[in-house]
Amino acid sequence: MREYIIGLFALALCCAIVELLTPEGEGGGIARHIKLMTGLCLLCVLVTPLVSLVRMGADLPARLEEALSDWPAIKEQADQEFTDRWQEEYEQMDATLASQTIAHMLQERFSVASGDVSVEVRLDENQSHIAQIRIALSGRAIWLNTHEIERFIVETFDCECIIYME
């Protein structure tokens, strides 16, 4: 579109220069014919996009039918991508919520500051049960009895527990 507008502007400029350089003569003479020709040239250039639209309009039903025939496949793919993305976000949200809850439980039970315990929950393949809980202890929490923490986690959640110091 930009090229079309630049071309139109260039043609109008050329037409104006030609009209300025044309001698007037008696009764307008040749200048009248030059103005008619430049006007026709500008009109042809202005109408060109309309001709393209009319040609494209003849193909419009076929193009529309082609686009609509692809719609079910495109919609199914988009639906599947949305479902996968939602499932991934939901699973991540579950693991994050579980991590926060377990960290809070450990802080309450073992009297630990909130910044001294961080918990990472890993779910099983079905994303339905906790498979592993990883606990990082730092600060004053490194002095806690890790066997008690591990026993608490295993008894409460019936899963593997890994404790490490940061």
Protein backbone atom coordinates (compact mmCIF):
# COMPACT_ATOMS: atom_id res chain seq x y z
CA MET A 1 0.00 0.00 0.00
CA ARG A 2 2.85 2.35 0.82
CA GLU A 3 4.37 1.82 -2.63
CA TYR A 4 1.01 2.58 -4.25
CA ILE A 5 0.66 5.89 -2.40
CA ILE A 6 4.25 6.89 -3.21
CA GLY A 7 3.67 6.01 -6.89
CA LEU A 8 0.45 8.00 -6.94
CA PHE A 9 2.19 11.00 -5.39
CA ALA A 10 5.06 10.74 -7.91
CA LEU A 11 2.63 10.56 -10.85
CA ALA A 12 0.67 13.57 -9.58
CA LEU A 13 3.92 15.53 -9.23
CA CYS A 14 5.01 14.59 -12.77
CA CYS A 15 1.60 15.56 -14.16
CA ALA A 16 1.77 18.93 -12.41
CA ILE A 17 5.25 19.61 -13.82
CA VAL A 18 4.15 18.65 -17.36
CA GLU A 19 1.12 20.93 -17.10
CA LEU A 20 3.27 23.82 -15.88
CA LEU A 21 5.72 23.39 -18.77
CA THR A 22 3.03 23.16 -21.44
CA PRO A 23 2.62 26.36 -23.50
CA GLU A 24 -0.83 27.97 -23.28
CA GLY A 25 -1.41 29.21 -26.82
CA GLU A 26 -4.69 30.65 -28.18
CA GLY A 27 -7.84 29.14 -26.68
CA GLY A 28 -5.85 26.82 -24.47
CA GLY A 29 -4.68 24.74 -27.45
CA ILE A 30 -2.41 21.89 -26.48
CA ALA A 31 -2.55 22.67 -22.74
CA ARG A 32 -6.19 21.60 -22.70
CA HIS A 33 -5.31 18.23 -24.23
CA ILE A 34 -2.35 17.76 -21.87
CA LYS A 35 -4.59 18.42 -18.84
CA LEU A 36 -7.10 15.88 -20.17
CA MET A 37 -4.36 13.23 -20.63
CA THR A 38 -2.77 13.80 -17.20
CA GLY A 39 -6.22 13.67 -15.60
CA LEU A 40 -6.94 10.36 -17.35
CA CYS A 41 -3.57 8.95 -16.21
CA LEU A 42 -4.29 9.92 -12.61
CA LEU A 43 -7.79 8.46 -12.85
CA CYS A 44 -6.41 5.13 -14.16
CA VAL A 45 -3.91 4.92 -11.31
CA LEU A 46 -6.61 5.77 -8.76
CA VAL A 47 -8.95 3.07 -10.14
CA THR A 48 -6.31 0.31 -10.16
CA PRO A 49 -6.96 -0.84 -6.55
CA LEU A 50 -10.69 -1.00 -7.27
CA VAL A 51 -10.07 -3.30 -10.23
CA SER A 52 -7.97 -5.56 -7.98
CA LEU A 53 -10.79 -5.64 -5.43
CA VAL A 54 -13.34 -6.56 -8.10
CA ARG A 55 -11.11 -9.39 -9.36
CA MET A 56 -10.58 -10.61 -5.81
CA GLY A 57 -14.32 -10.39 -5.18
CA ALA A 58 -14.93 -12.91 -7.97
CA ASP A 59 -12.70 -15.39 -6.11
CA LEU A 60 -14.19 -14.50 -2.72
CA PRO A 61 -16.69 -17.38 -2.43
CA ALA A 62 -13.97 -19.93 -3.24
CA ARG A 63 -11.54 -18.34 -0.80
CA LEU A 64 -14.19 -18.15 1.90
CA GLU A 65 -15.15 -21.79 1.39
CA GLU A 66 -11.48 -22.81 1.60
CA ALA A 67 -10.99 -20.84 4.81
CA LEU A 68 -14.15 -22.29 6.37
CA SER A 69 -13.20 -25.85 5.43
CA ASP A 70 -10.02 -25.49 7.51
CA TRP A 71 -11.93 -24.08 10.50
CA PRO A 72 -12.74 -27.37 12.32
CA ALA A 73 -9.09 -28.50 12.26
CA ILE A 74 -7.86 -25.09 13.40
CA LYS A 75 -10.48 -24.95 16.17
CA GLU A 76 -9.65 -28.47 17.36
CA GLN A 77 -5.93 -27.64 17.48
CA ALA A 78 -6.60 -24.40 19.39
CA ASP A 79 -8.90 -26.22 21.82
CA GLN A 80 -6.26 -28.89 22.45
CA GLU A 81 -3.54 -26.26 23.00
CA PHE A 82 -5.81 -24.43 25.45
CA THR A 83 -6.63 -27.66 27.32
CA ASP A 84 -2.96 -28.63 27.54
CA ARG A 85 -1.98 -25.19 28.74
CA TRP A 86 -4.79 -25.10 31.31
CA GLN A 87 -3.84 -28.56 32.60
CA GLU A 88 -0.20 -27.49 32.93
CA GLU A 89 -1.15 -24.30 34.79
CA TYR A 90 -3.56 -26.20 37.04
CA GLU A 91 -0.92 -28.79 37.94
CA GLN A 92 1.63 -26.10 38.64
CA MET A 93 -0.91 -24.26 40.78
CA ASP A 94 -1.64 -27.47 42.75
CA ALA A 95 2.06 -28.10 43.38
CA THR A 96 2.63 -24.47 44.39
CA LEU A 97 -0.32 -24.46 46.78
CA ALA A 98 0.80 -27.77 48.28
CA SER A 99 4.35 -26.41 48.72
CA GLN A 100 3.08 -23.34 50.52
CA THR A 101 0.77 -25.38 52.75
CA ILE A 102 3.47 -27.89 53.71
CA ALA A 103 5.97 -25.09 54.41
CA HIS A 104 3.40 -23.46 56.71
CA MET A 105 2.77 -26.78 58.48
CA LEU A 106 6.51 -27.24 59.08
CA GLN A 107 6.85 -23.68 60.39
CA GLU A 108 4.00 -24.24 62.84
CA ARG A 109 5.00 -27.72 64.01
CA PHE A 110 8.74 -27.12 64.37
CA SER A 111 8.66 -23.39 65.27
CA VAL A 112 10.69 -22.26 62.28
CA ALA A 113 10.81 -18.79 60.71
CA SER A 114 9.09 -18.52 57.34
CA GLY A 115 12.27 -17.74 55.41
CA ASP A 116 14.17 -20.71 56.85
CA VAL A 117 12.11 -23.45 55.18
CA SER A 118 11.32 -23.84 51.51
CA VAL A 119 9.37 -26.77 50.12
CA GLU A 120 9.14 -28.17 46.61
CA VAL A 121 6.39 -30.67 45.84
CA ARG A 122 6.67 -33.07 42.92
CA LEU A 123 3.52 -34.83 41.77
CA ASP A 124 3.26 -38.30 40.20
CA GLU A 125 2.77 -38.94 36.47
CA ASN A 126 -1.01 -38.56 36.75
CA GLN A 127 -0.57 -35.31 38.67
CA SER A 128 -3.00 -36.68 41.25
CA HIS A 129 -0.75 -37.56 44.21
CA ILE A 130 2.38 -36.18 45.82
CA ALA A 131 5.33 -38.35 44.80
CA GLN A 132 8.16 -36.45 46.49
CA ILE A 133 8.64 -33.54 48.85
CA ARG A 134 11.97 -31.72 48.86
CA ILE A 135 12.65 -29.54 51.87
CA ALA A 136 15.45 -26.97 52.00
CA LEU A 137 16.48 -25.79 55.45
CA SER A 138 18.45 -22.61 56.03
CA GLY A 139 19.21 -20.19 58.85
CA ARG A 140 18.24 -21.47 62.28
CA ALA A 141 16.27 -24.36 60.74
CA ILE A 142 19.50 -26.26 59.95
CA TRP A 143 19.66 -27.20 63.67
CA LEU A 144 16.34 -29.07 63.53
CA ASN A 145 16.20 -32.85 63.79
CA THR A 146 15.84 -33.85 60.12
CA HIS A 147 14.75 -37.38 61.09
CA GLU A 148 11.71 -35.96 62.90
CA ILE A 149 10.83 -33.78 59.89
CA GLU A 150 11.23 -36.71 57.53
CA ARG A 151 9.10 -38.99 59.74
CA PHE A 152 6.39 -36.28 59.94
CA ILE A 153 6.30 -35.85 56.14
CA VAL A 154 6.29 -39.59 55.39
CA GLU A 155 3.55 -40.32 57.92
CA THR A 156 1.42 -37.36 56.85
CA PHE A 157 1.76 -37.54 53.05
CA ASP A 158 2.98 -41.11 52.48
CA CYS A 159 5.64 -40.04 50.00
CA GLU A 160 9.40 -39.76 49.63
CA CYS A 161 11.01 -36.92 51.58
CA ILE A 162 14.36 -35.35 50.79
CA ILE A 163 15.83 -32.81 53.19
CA TYR A 164 18.90 -30.73 52.42
CA MET A 165 20.64 -27.70 53.85
CA GLU A 166 21.13 -24.48 51.91
